[in-house]
PDB file of all heavy atoms in Angstrom:
ATOM      1  N   VAL A   1     108.887 183.605 -84.637  1.00  0.00           N
ATOM      2  CA  VAL A   1     107.979 183.358 -83.499  1.00  0.00           C
ATOM      3  C   VAL A   1     108.126 181.862 -83.111  1.00  0.00           C
ATOM      4  O   VAL A   1     107.936 180.948 -83.892  1.00  0.00           O
ATOM      5  CB  VAL A   1     106.526 183.647 -83.883  1.00  0.00           C
ATOM      6  CG1 VAL A   1     105.600 183.342 -82.730  1.00  0.00           C
ATOM      7  CG2 VAL A   1     106.377 185.047 -84.382  1.00  0.00           C
ATOM      8  N   VAL A   2     108.366 181.680 -81.778  1.00  0.00           N
ATOM      9  CA  VAL A   2     108.472 180.322 -81.250  1.00  0.00           C
ATOM     10  C   VAL A   2     107.083 179.736 -81.172  1.00  0.00           C
ATOM     11  O   VAL A   2     106.126 180.382 -80.732  1.00  0.00           O
ATOM     12  CB  VAL A   2     109.119 180.336 -79.874  1.00  0.00           C
ATOM     13  CG1 VAL A   2     109.060 178.988 -79.119  1.00  0.00           C
ATOM     14  CG2 VAL A   2     110.625 180.859 -79.901  1.00  0.00           C
ATOM     15  N   LYS A   3     106.947 178.464 -81.496  1.00  0.00           N
ATOM     16  CA  LYS A   3     105.620 177.768 -81.539  1.00  0.00           C
ATOM     17  C   LYS A   3     105.046 177.701 -80.145  1.00  0.00           C
ATOM     18  O   LYS A   3     105.821 177.399 -79.164  1.00  0.00           O
ATOM     19  CB  LYS A   3     105.781 176.428 -82.087  1.00  0.00           C
ATOM     20  CG  LYS A   3     106.072 176.466 -83.538  1.00  0.00           C
ATOM     21  CD  LYS A   3     106.192 175.022 -84.231  1.00  0.00           C
ATOM     22  CE  LYS A   3     106.411 175.099 -85.701  1.00  0.00           C
ATOM     23  NZ  LYS A   3     106.530 173.751 -86.324  1.00  0.00           N
ATOM     24  N   GLY A   4     103.736 177.889 -80.005  1.00  0.00           N
ATOM     25  CA  GLY A   4     103.116 177.781 -78.712  1.00  0.00           C
ATOM     26  C   GLY A   4     103.193 176.315 -78.161  1.00  0.00           C
ATOM     27  O   GLY A   4     103.044 175.346 -78.928  1.00  0.00           O
ATOM     28  N   GLY A   5     103.501 176.116 -76.957  1.00  0.00           N
ATOM     29  CA  GLY A   5     103.560 174.843 -76.252  1.00  0.00           C
ATOM     30  C   GLY A   5     104.833 174.135 -76.483  1.00  0.00           C
ATOM     31  O   GLY A   5     105.047 173.030 -75.907  1.00  0.00           O
ATOM     32  N   ILE A   6     105.805 174.664 -77.273  1.00  0.00           N
ATOM     33  CA  ILE A   6     107.044 173.991 -77.480  1.00  0.00           C
ATOM     34  C   ILE A   6     107.897 173.811 -76.276  1.00  0.00           C
ATOM     35  O   ILE A   6     108.600 172.816 -76.055  1.00  0.00           O
ATOM     36  CB  ILE A   6     107.778 174.644 -78.671  1.00  0.00           C
ATOM     37  CG1 ILE A   6     108.817 173.687 -79.295  1.00  0.00           C
ATOM     38  CG2 ILE A   6     108.500 175.896 -78.197  1.00  0.00           C
ATOM     39  CD1 ILE A   6     108.279 172.637 -80.150  1.00  0.00           C
ATOM     40  N   ARG A   7     107.889 174.795 -75.404  1.00  0.00           N
ATOM     41  CA  ARG A   7     108.616 174.784 -74.168  1.00  0.00           C
ATOM     42  C   ARG A   7     108.201 173.543 -73.332  1.00  0.00           C
ATOM     43  O   ARG A   7     109.063 172.933 -72.701  1.00  0.00           O
ATOM     44  CB  ARG A   7     108.502 176.124 -73.392  1.00  0.00           C
ATOM     45  CG  ARG A   7     109.481 176.223 -72.292  1.00  0.00           C
ATOM     46  CD  ARG A   7     109.283 177.579 -71.530  1.00  0.00           C
ATOM     47  NE  ARG A   7     110.251 177.734 -70.483  1.00  0.00           N
ATOM     48  CZ  ARG A   7     111.464 178.284 -70.716  1.00  0.00           C
ATOM     49  NH1 ARG A   7     111.846 178.717 -71.892  1.00  0.00           N
ATOM     50  NH2 ARG A   7     112.397 178.331 -69.745  1.00  0.00           N
ATOM     51  N   GLU A   8     106.879 173.417 -73.280  1.00  0.00           N
ATOM     52  CA  GLU A   8     106.397 172.248 -72.418  1.00  0.00           C
ATOM     53  C   GLU A   8     106.820 170.898 -73.040  1.00  0.00           C
ATOM     54  O   GLU A   8     107.006 169.950 -72.284  1.00  0.00           O
ATOM     55  CB  GLU A   8     104.801 172.319 -72.388  1.00  0.00           C
ATOM     56  CG  GLU A   8     104.306 173.471 -71.517  1.00  0.00           C
ATOM     57  CD  GLU A   8     104.458 174.856 -72.138  1.00  0.00           C
ATOM     58  OE1 GLU A   8     104.607 174.917 -73.376  1.00  0.00           O
ATOM     59  OE2 GLU A   8     104.418 175.903 -71.410  1.00  0.00           O
ATOM     60  N   ARG A   9     106.824 170.847 -74.363  1.00  0.00           N
ATOM     61  CA  ARG A   9     107.295 169.602 -75.033  1.00  0.00           C
ATOM     62  C   ARG A   9     108.718 169.325 -74.765  1.00  0.00           C
ATOM     63  O   ARG A   9     109.052 168.164 -74.514  1.00  0.00           O
ATOM     64  CB  ARG A   9     107.010 169.704 -76.522  1.00  0.00           C
ATOM     65  CG  ARG A   9     105.583 170.013 -76.931  1.00  0.00           C
ATOM     66  CD  ARG A   9     105.277 169.765 -78.334  1.00  0.00           C
ATOM     67  NE  ARG A   9     105.039 168.338 -78.550  1.00  0.00           N
ATOM     68  CZ  ARG A   9     104.798 167.812 -79.711  1.00  0.00           C
ATOM     69  NH1 ARG A   9     104.876 168.491 -80.858  1.00  0.00           N
ATOM     70  NH2 ARG A   9     104.586 166.485 -79.801  1.00  0.00           N
ATOM     71  N   PHE A  10     109.541 170.350 -74.701  1.00  0.00           N
ATOM     72  CA  PHE A  10     110.957 170.076 -74.385  1.00  0.00           C
ATOM     73  C   PHE A  10     111.152 169.703 -72.936  1.00  0.00           C
ATOM     74  O   PHE A  10     112.061 168.962 -72.601  1.00  0.00           O
ATOM     75  CB  PHE A  10     111.840 171.364 -74.737  1.00  0.00           C
ATOM     76  CG  PHE A  10     112.039 171.548 -76.211  1.00  0.00           C
ATOM     77  CD1 PHE A  10     111.907 172.797 -76.770  1.00  0.00           C
ATOM     78  CD2 PHE A  10     112.314 170.460 -77.047  1.00  0.00           C
ATOM     79  CE1 PHE A  10     112.047 172.981 -78.128  1.00  0.00           C
ATOM     80  CE2 PHE A  10     112.536 170.659 -78.402  1.00  0.00           C
ATOM     81  CZ  PHE A  10     112.379 171.881 -78.944  1.00  0.00           C
ATOM     82  N   ALA A  11     110.286 170.240 -72.080  1.00  0.00           N
ATOM     83  CA  ALA A  11     110.310 169.879 -70.643  1.00  0.00           C
ATOM     84  C   ALA A  11     109.919 168.388 -70.556  1.00  0.00           C
ATOM     85  O   ALA A  11     110.550 167.671 -69.719  1.00  0.00           O
ATOM     86  CB  ALA A  11     109.335 170.763 -69.878  1.00  0.00           C
ATOM     87  N   GLU A  12     108.986 167.924 -71.366  1.00  0.00           N
ATOM     88  CA  GLU A  12     108.614 166.506 -71.390  1.00  0.00           C
ATOM     89  C   GLU A  12     109.799 165.647 -71.751  1.00  0.00           C
ATOM     90  O   GLU A  12     110.146 164.597 -71.185  1.00  0.00           O
ATOM     91  CB  GLU A  12     107.456 166.316 -72.234  1.00  0.00           C
ATOM     92  CG  GLU A  12     106.913 164.858 -72.274  1.00  0.00           C
ATOM     93  CD  GLU A  12     105.711 164.670 -73.247  1.00  0.00           C
ATOM     94  OE1 GLU A  12     105.215 165.734 -73.736  1.00  0.00           O
ATOM     95  OE2 GLU A  12     105.375 163.525 -73.490  1.00  0.00           O
ATOM     96  N   LEU A  13     110.499 166.072 -72.833  1.00  0.00           N
ATOM     97  CA  LEU A  13     111.672 165.313 -73.291  1.00  0.00           C
ATOM     98  C   LEU A  13     112.758 165.283 -72.230  1.00  0.00           C
ATOM     99  O   LEU A  13     113.443 164.280 -72.003  1.00  0.00           O
ATOM    100  CB  LEU A  13     112.305 165.978 -74.555  1.00  0.00           C
ATOM    101  CG  LEU A  13     111.426 165.760 -75.869  1.00  0.00           C
ATOM    102  CD1 LEU A  13     111.962 166.655 -76.918  1.00  0.00           C
ATOM    103  CD2 LEU A  13     111.559 164.270 -76.309  1.00  0.00           C
ATOM    104  N   ARG A  14     112.870 166.358 -71.462  1.00  0.00           N
ATOM    105  CA  ARG A  14     113.921 166.408 -70.360  1.00  0.00           C
ATOM    106  C   ARG A  14     113.496 165.458 -69.327  1.00  0.00           C
ATOM    107  O   ARG A  14     114.387 164.748 -68.708  1.00  0.00           O
ATOM    108  CB  ARG A  14     113.907 167.853 -69.873  1.00  0.00           C
ATOM    109  CG  ARG A  14     115.211 168.147 -68.978  1.00  0.00           C
ATOM    110  CD  ARG A  14     115.320 169.630 -68.645  1.00  0.00           C
ATOM    111  NE  ARG A  14     115.449 170.400 -69.862  1.00  0.00           N
ATOM    112  CZ  ARG A  14     114.589 171.231 -70.312  1.00  0.00           C
ATOM    113  NH1 ARG A  14     113.391 171.415 -69.704  1.00  0.00           N
ATOM    114  NH2 ARG A  14     114.793 171.959 -71.378  1.00  0.00           N
ATOM    115  N   ARG A  15     112.213 165.214 -69.066  1.00  0.00           N
ATOM    116  CA  ARG A  15     111.787 164.223 -68.047  1.00  0.00           C
ATOM    117  C   ARG A  15     112.039 162.873 -68.572  1.00  0.00           C
ATOM    118  O   ARG A  15     112.220 161.913 -67.760  1.00  0.00           O
ATOM    119  CB  ARG A  15     110.260 164.360 -67.776  1.00  0.00           C
ATOM    120  CG  ARG A  15     109.920 165.622 -66.908  1.00  0.00           C
ATOM    121  CD  ARG A  15     108.507 165.612 -66.366  1.00  0.00           C
ATOM    122  NE  ARG A  15     107.588 165.634 -67.431  1.00  0.00           N
ATOM    123  CZ  ARG A  15     107.039 166.711 -67.960  1.00  0.00           C
ATOM    124  NH1 ARG A  15     107.487 167.932 -67.609  1.00  0.00           N
ATOM    125  NH2 ARG A  15     106.126 166.685 -68.917  1.00  0.00           N
ATOM    126  N   MET A  16     112.070 162.621 -69.893  1.00  0.00           N
ATOM    127  CA  MET A  16     112.392 161.318 -70.453  1.00  0.00           C
ATOM    128  C   MET A  16     113.898 161.107 -70.386  1.00  0.00           C
ATOM    129  O   MET A  16     114.392 159.983 -70.697  1.00  0.00           O
ATOM    130  CB  MET A  16     112.023 161.366 -72.000  1.00  0.00           C
ATOM    131  CG  MET A  16     110.620 161.412 -72.249  1.00  0.00           C
ATOM    132  SD  MET A  16     110.380 161.327 -74.091  1.00  0.00           S
ATOM    133  CE  MET A  16     108.629 161.628 -74.221  1.00  0.00           C
ATOM    134  N   GLY A  17     114.699 162.133 -69.995  1.00  0.00           N
ATOM    135  CA  GLY A  17     116.186 161.982 -69.909  1.00  0.00           C
ATOM    136  C   GLY A  17     116.857 162.257 -71.237  1.00  0.00           C
ATOM    137  O   GLY A  17     117.991 161.803 -71.474  1.00  0.00           O
ATOM    138  N   ILE A  18     116.140 163.000 -72.145  1.00  0.00           N
ATOM    139  CA  ILE A  18     116.700 163.336 -73.417  1.00  0.00           C
ATOM    140  C   ILE A  18     117.137 164.775 -73.520  1.00  0.00           C
ATOM    141  O   ILE A  18     116.488 165.668 -73.074  1.00  0.00           O
ATOM    142  CB  ILE A  18     115.650 163.100 -74.608  1.00  0.00           C
ATOM    143  CG1 ILE A  18     115.212 161.666 -74.515  1.00  0.00           C
ATOM    144  CG2 ILE A  18     116.129 163.505 -75.926  1.00  0.00           C
ATOM    145  CD1 ILE A  18     114.011 161.331 -75.475  1.00  0.00           C
ATOM    146  N   ARG A  19     118.402 164.994 -73.978  1.00  0.00           N
ATOM    147  CA  ARG A  19     118.945 166.305 -74.077  1.00  0.00           C
ATOM    148  C   ARG A  19     118.643 166.808 -75.506  1.00  0.00           C
ATOM    149  O   ARG A  19     118.813 166.178 -76.516  1.00  0.00           O
ATOM    150  CB  ARG A  19     120.504 166.188 -73.931  1.00  0.00           C
ATOM    151  CG  ARG A  19     121.304 167.491 -74.177  1.00  0.00           C
ATOM    152  CD  ARG A  19     122.730 167.305 -73.775  1.00  0.00           C
ATOM    153  NE  ARG A  19     123.580 168.474 -74.191  1.00  0.00           N
ATOM    154  CZ  ARG A  19     124.309 168.475 -75.294  1.00  0.00           C
ATOM    155  NH1 ARG A  19     124.286 167.426 -76.120  1.00  0.00           N
ATOM    156  NH2 ARG A  19     124.991 169.561 -75.580  1.00  0.00           N
ATOM    157  N   THR A  20     118.080 168.112 -75.481  1.00  0.00           N
ATOM    158  CA  THR A  20     117.673 168.679 -76.777  1.00  0.00           C
ATOM    159  C   THR A  20     118.724 169.737 -77.204  1.00  0.00           C
ATOM    160  O   THR A  20     119.103 170.556 -76.368  1.00  0.00           O
ATOM    161  CB  THR A  20     116.240 169.303 -76.695  1.00  0.00           C
ATOM    162  OG1 THR A  20     116.309 170.110 -75.552  1.00  0.00           O
ATOM    163  CG2 THR A  20     115.218 168.245 -76.483  1.00  0.00           C
ATOM    164  N   VAL A  21     118.966 169.722 -78.483  1.00  0.00           N
ATOM    165  CA  VAL A  21     119.965 170.682 -79.045  1.00  0.00           C
ATOM    166  C   VAL A  21     119.319 171.319 -80.283  1.00  0.00           C
ATOM    167  O   VAL A  21     118.921 170.647 -81.197  1.00  0.00           O
ATOM    168  CB  VAL A  21     121.282 170.004 -79.427  1.00  0.00           C
ATOM    169  CG1 VAL A  21     122.291 171.009 -80.034  1.00  0.00           C
ATOM    170  CG2 VAL A  21     121.940 169.246 -78.276  1.00  0.00           C
ATOM    171  N   MET A  22     119.176 172.674 -80.269  1.00  0.00           N
ATOM    172  CA  MET A  22     118.698 173.411 -81.387  1.00  0.00           C
ATOM    173  C   MET A  22     119.812 173.710 -82.409  1.00  0.00           C
ATOM    174  O   MET A  22     120.882 174.187 -81.995  1.00  0.00           O
ATOM    175  CB  MET A  22     118.054 174.681 -80.949  1.00  0.00           C
ATOM    176  CG  MET A  22     117.435 175.589 -81.999  1.00  0.00           C
ATOM    177  SD  MET A  22     116.823 177.123 -81.430  1.00  0.00           S
ATOM    178  CE  MET A  22     118.419 178.064 -81.271  1.00  0.00           C
ATOM    179  N   ILE A  23     119.541 173.433 -83.588  1.00  0.00           N
ATOM    180  CA  ILE A  23     120.562 173.650 -84.698  1.00  0.00           C
ATOM    181  C   ILE A  23     120.027 174.825 -85.565  1.00  0.00           C
ATOM    182  O   ILE A  23     118.906 174.805 -86.056  1.00  0.00           O
ATOM    183  CB  ILE A  23     120.858 172.441 -85.597  1.00  0.00           C
ATOM    184  CG1 ILE A  23     121.347 171.319 -84.691  1.00  0.00           C
ATOM    185  CG2 ILE A  23     121.726 172.743 -86.657  1.00  0.00           C
ATOM    186  CD1 ILE A  23     121.529 170.029 -85.419  1.00  0.00           C
ATOM    187  N   THR A  24     120.859 175.870 -85.801  1.00  0.00           N
ATOM    188  CA  THR A  24     120.401 176.978 -86.631  1.00  0.00           C
ATOM    189  C   THR A  24     121.635 177.688 -87.302  1.00  0.00           C
ATOM    190  O   THR A  24     122.728 177.522 -86.779  1.00  0.00           O
ATOM    191  CB  THR A  24     119.697 178.010 -85.638  1.00  0.00           C
ATOM    192  OG1 THR A  24     119.368 179.150 -86.429  1.00  0.00           O
ATOM    193  CG2 THR A  24     120.627 178.464 -84.538  1.00  0.00           C
ATOM    194  N   GLY A  25     121.319 178.301 -88.403  1.00  0.00           N
ATOM    195  CA  GLY A  25     122.336 179.101 -89.107  1.00  0.00           C
ATOM    196  C   GLY A  25     122.423 180.462 -88.593  1.00  0.00           C
ATOM    197  O   GLY A  25     123.213 181.281 -89.047  1.00  0.00           O
ATOM    198  N   ASP A  26     121.589 180.818 -87.600  1.00  0.00           N
ATOM    199  CA  ASP A  26     121.666 182.188 -86.984  1.00  0.00           C
ATOM    200  C   ASP A  26     122.875 182.462 -86.253  1.00  0.00           C
ATOM    201  O   ASP A  26     123.626 181.529 -85.876  1.00  0.00           O
ATOM    202  CB  ASP A  26     120.354 182.381 -86.024  1.00  0.00           C
ATOM    203  CG  ASP A  26     119.108 182.508 -86.786  1.00  0.00           C
ATOM    204  OD1 ASP A  26     119.091 182.769 -88.001  1.00  0.00           O
ATOM    205  OD2 ASP A  26     117.990 182.234 -86.204  1.00  0.00           O
ATOM    206  N   ASN A  27     123.153 183.727 -85.956  1.00  0.00           N
ATOM    207  CA  ASN A  27     124.272 184.066 -85.166  1.00  0.00           C
ATOM    208  C   ASN A  27     124.039 183.622 -83.733  1.00  0.00           C
ATOM    209  O   ASN A  27     122.946 183.472 -83.333  1.00  0.00           O
ATOM    210  CB  ASN A  27     124.613 185.608 -85.264  1.00  0.00           C
ATOM    211  CG  ASN A  27     123.335 186.483 -84.738  1.00  0.00           C
ATOM    212  OD1 ASN A  27     123.238 186.437 -83.484  1.00  0.00           O
ATOM    213  ND2 ASN A  27     122.594 187.109 -85.560  1.00  0.00           N
ATOM    214  N   PRO A  28     125.145 183.572 -82.980  1.00  0.00           N
ATOM    215  CA  PRO A  28     125.018 183.112 -81.630  1.00  0.00           C
ATOM    216  C   PRO A  28     124.071 183.878 -80.710  1.00  0.00           C
ATOM    217  O   PRO A  28     123.394 183.308 -79.894  1.00  0.00           O
ATOM    218  CB  PRO A  28     126.439 183.105 -81.058  1.00  0.00           C
ATOM    219  CG  PRO A  28     127.289 183.033 -82.340  1.00  0.00           C
ATOM    220  CD  PRO A  28     126.496 183.735 -83.347  1.00  0.00           C
ATOM    221  N   LEU A  29     123.965 185.223 -80.901  1.00  0.00           N
ATOM    222  CA  LEU A  29     123.088 185.987 -80.011  1.00  0.00           C
ATOM    223  C   LEU A  29     121.622 185.618 -80.308  1.00  0.00           C
ATOM    224  O   LEU A  29     120.841 185.455 -79.379  1.00  0.00           O
ATOM    225  CB  LEU A  29     123.333 187.481 -80.302  1.00  0.00           C
ATOM    226  CG  LEU A  29     124.572 188.052 -79.690  1.00  0.00           C
ATOM    227  CD1 LEU A  29     124.741 189.540 -80.088  1.00  0.00           C
ATOM    228  CD2 LEU A  29     124.527 188.041 -78.178  1.00  0.00           C
ATOM    229  N   THR A  30     121.256 185.589 -81.559  1.00  0.00           N
ATOM    230  CA  THR A  30     119.944 185.229 -81.932  1.00  0.00           C
ATOM    231  C   THR A  30     119.581 183.789 -81.441  1.00  0.00           C
ATOM    232  O   THR A  30     118.527 183.569 -80.936  1.00  0.00           O
ATOM    233  CB  THR A  30     119.718 185.351 -83.429  1.00  0.00           C
ATOM    234  OG1 THR A  30     119.997 186.704 -83.851  1.00  0.00           O
ATOM    235  CG2 THR A  30     118.296 184.989 -83.831  1.00  0.00           C
ATOM    236  N   ALA A  31     120.566 182.870 -81.747  1.00  0.00           N
ATOM    237  CA  ALA A  31     120.301 181.497 -81.342  1.00  0.00           C
ATOM    238  C   ALA A  31     120.137 181.345 -79.839  1.00  0.00           C
ATOM    239  O   ALA A  31     119.228 180.633 -79.414  1.00  0.00           O
ATOM    240  CB  ALA A  31     121.539 180.660 -81.835  1.00  0.00           C
ATOM    241  N   ALA A  32     120.858 182.131 -79.071  1.00  0.00           N
ATOM    242  CA  ALA A  32     120.787 182.035 -77.593  1.00  0.00           C
ATOM    243  C   ALA A  32     119.409 182.499 -77.141  1.00  0.00           C
ATOM    244  O   ALA A  32     118.857 181.897 -76.201  1.00  0.00           O
ATOM    245  CB  ALA A  32     121.872 182.770 -76.875  1.00  0.00           C
ATOM    246  N   ALA A  33     118.888 183.546 -77.755  1.00  0.00           N
ATOM    247  CA  ALA A  33     117.626 184.185 -77.333  1.00  0.00           C
ATOM    248  C   ALA A  33     116.522 183.116 -77.638  1.00  0.00           C
ATOM    249  O   ALA A  33     115.627 182.912 -76.783  1.00  0.00           O
ATOM    250  CB  ALA A  33     117.404 185.523 -78.044  1.00  0.00           C
ATOM    251  N   ILE A  34     116.479 182.566 -78.869  1.00  0.00           N
ATOM    252  CA  ILE A  34     115.454 181.567 -79.278  1.00  0.00           C
ATOM    253  C   ILE A  34     115.590 180.334 -78.317  1.00  0.00           C
ATOM    254  O   ILE A  34     114.547 179.793 -77.901  1.00  0.00           O
ATOM    255  CB  ILE A  34     115.573 181.212 -80.780  1.00  0.00           C
ATOM    256  CG1 ILE A  34     115.295 182.456 -81.588  1.00  0.00           C
ATOM    257  CG2 ILE A  34     114.679 180.037 -81.048  1.00  0.00           C
ATOM    258  CD1 ILE A  34     113.950 182.947 -81.601  1.00  0.00           C
ATOM    259  N   ALA A  35     116.800 179.865 -78.062  1.00  0.00           N
ATOM    260  CA  ALA A  35     116.996 178.723 -77.266  1.00  0.00           C
ATOM    261  C   ALA A  35     116.407 178.863 -75.867  1.00  0.00           C
ATOM    262  O   ALA A  35     115.756 178.033 -75.239  1.00  0.00           O
ATOM    263  CB  ALA A  35     118.508 178.317 -77.219  1.00  0.00           C
ATOM    264  N   ALA A  36     116.687 180.094 -75.286  1.00  0.00           N
ATOM    265  CA  ALA A  36     116.151 180.407 -73.963  1.00  0.00           C
ATOM    266  C   ALA A  36     114.652 180.476 -74.021  1.00  0.00           C
ATOM    267  O   ALA A  36     114.018 179.898 -73.077  1.00  0.00           O
ATOM    268  CB  ALA A  36     116.789 181.659 -73.516  1.00  0.00           C
ATOM    269  N   GLU A  37     114.080 181.078 -74.979  1.00  0.00           N
ATOM    270  CA  GLU A  37     112.604 181.169 -75.031  1.00  0.00           C
ATOM    271  C   GLU A  37     111.992 179.761 -75.198  1.00  0.00           C
ATOM    272  O   GLU A  37     110.873 179.426 -74.670  1.00  0.00           O
ATOM    273  CB  GLU A  37     112.165 182.053 -76.168  1.00  0.00           C
ATOM    274  CG  GLU A  37     110.722 182.351 -76.254  1.00  0.00           C
ATOM    275  CD  GLU A  37     110.324 183.346 -77.306  1.00  0.00           C
ATOM    276  OE1 GLU A  37     111.227 183.861 -78.027  1.00  0.00           O
ATOM    277  OE2 GLU A  37     109.097 183.466 -77.586  1.00  0.00           O
TER     278      GLU A  37
END
């Protein structure tokens, strides 16, 4: 389960000019779905 409000926090980082990269041991399909959410 993705944490509540995390999408807004990443949007705030984007406004700061910071690129966010999620690191995971999951397979690419699972990683892509979580990253999008």
